[in-house]
Amino acid sequence: MIHPAEKDLRAALARFADARIEHDVRPTGRTSRLLEDATYTLCVMTGATGADQALRTADRLLQGYLSAREEGTQQDETLAA
């Protein structure tokens, strides 16, 4: 799987969350379409087949981005010493 850029993944998660909240608060045909579109985008980005799986995969990807940043910081500090 090709991993999405962190900023793109975070944007898709925010869009999904906004759509989910808006649809839960005031469900309409428009909010339903927005939620379906946000879910589809998140599933495509994560290679998932449903929202729950996409959210779990996104969490793992974000954790991986964080770990990579922390490793990079530790390596930079070692090199500076």
Protein backbone atom coordinates (compact mmCIF):
# COMPACT_ATOMS: atom_id res chain seq x y z
CA MET A 1 0.00 0.00 0.00
CA ILE A 2 1.18 3.51 -0.75
CA HIS A 3 1.05 5.53 2.44
CA PRO A 4 -0.65 8.92 2.28
CA ALA A 5 1.22 12.01 3.41
CA GLU A 6 0.58 12.73 7.07
CA LYS A 7 -1.04 16.11 6.39
CA ASP A 8 -3.38 14.57 3.80
CA LEU A 9 -4.37 11.80 6.19
CA ARG A 10 -5.01 14.28 8.99
CA ALA A 11 -7.12 16.42 6.64
CA ALA A 12 -9.18 13.37 5.61
CA LEU A 13 -9.70 12.42 9.26
CA ALA A 14 -10.82 15.95 10.11
CA ARG A 15 -13.21 15.96 7.15
CA PHE A 16 -14.61 12.60 8.23
CA ALA A 17 -15.05 13.80 11.83
CA ASP A 18 -16.80 16.99 10.73
CA ALA A 19 -19.11 15.05 8.41
CA ARG A 20 -19.86 12.44 11.10
CA ILE A 21 -20.72 15.08 13.70
CA GLU A 22 -22.83 17.15 11.31
CA HIS A 23 -24.74 14.05 10.19
CA ASP A 24 -25.28 12.84 13.77
CA VAL A 25 -26.55 16.24 14.90
CA ARG A 26 -28.77 17.10 11.93
CA PRO A 27 -29.09 14.24 9.43
CA THR A 28 -30.15 15.24 5.94
CA GLY A 29 -29.53 13.90 2.47
CA ARG A 30 -26.69 16.43 2.13
CA THR A 31 -24.97 15.35 5.35
CA SER A 32 -25.40 11.72 4.35
CA ARG A 33 -23.63 12.36 1.04
CA LEU A 34 -20.85 14.32 2.77
CA LEU A 35 -20.32 11.47 5.22
CA GLU A 36 -20.31 8.86 2.45
CA ASP A 37 -17.79 10.90 0.47
CA ALA A 38 -15.52 11.46 3.49
CA THR A 39 -15.72 7.76 4.38
CA TYR A 40 -14.89 6.73 0.82
CA THR A 41 -11.89 9.07 0.73
CA LEU A 42 -10.59 7.77 4.05
CA CYS A 43 -11.06 4.16 2.91
CA VAL A 44 -9.17 4.78 -0.34
CA MET A 45 -6.33 6.52 1.49
CA THR A 46 -5.94 3.67 3.98
CA GLY A 47 -6.79 0.73 1.74
CA ALA A 48 -9.70 -0.16 4.03
CA THR A 49 -13.14 -1.55 3.21
CA GLY A 50 -15.09 0.32 5.89
CA ALA A 51 -14.97 3.27 8.24
CA ASP A 52 -13.96 1.29 11.33
CA GLN A 53 -11.08 -0.41 9.55
CA ALA A 54 -10.03 2.90 7.96
CA LEU A 55 -9.92 4.62 11.35
CA ARG A 56 -7.83 1.81 12.88
CA THR A 57 -5.44 1.91 9.92
CA ALA A 58 -5.20 5.71 10.10
CA ASP A 59 -4.33 5.46 13.81
CA ARG A 60 -1.53 2.98 13.01
CA LEU A 61 -0.22 5.20 10.22
CA LEU A 62 -0.21 8.27 12.46
CA GLN A 63 1.61 6.33 15.17
CA GLY A 64 4.18 5.30 12.56
CA TYR A 65 4.67 8.93 11.49
CA LEU A 66 5.18 9.91 15.13
CA SER A 67 7.67 7.11 15.71
CA ALA A 68 9.61 8.06 12.59
CA ARG A 69 9.78 11.68 13.76
CA GLU A 70 10.97 10.63 17.22
CA GLU A 71 13.65 8.38 15.72
CA GLY A 72 14.79 11.21 13.48
CA THR A 73 15.05 13.56 16.46
CA GLN A 74 17.06 11.00 18.44
CA GLN A 75 19.43 10.47 15.52
CA ASP A 76 19.85 14.25 15.08
CA GLU A 77 20.66 14.63 18.79
CA THR A 78 23.21 11.79 18.60
CA LEU A 79 24.88 13.35 15.59
CA ALA A 80 25.04 16.74 17.31
CA ALA A 81 26.76 15.30 20.37
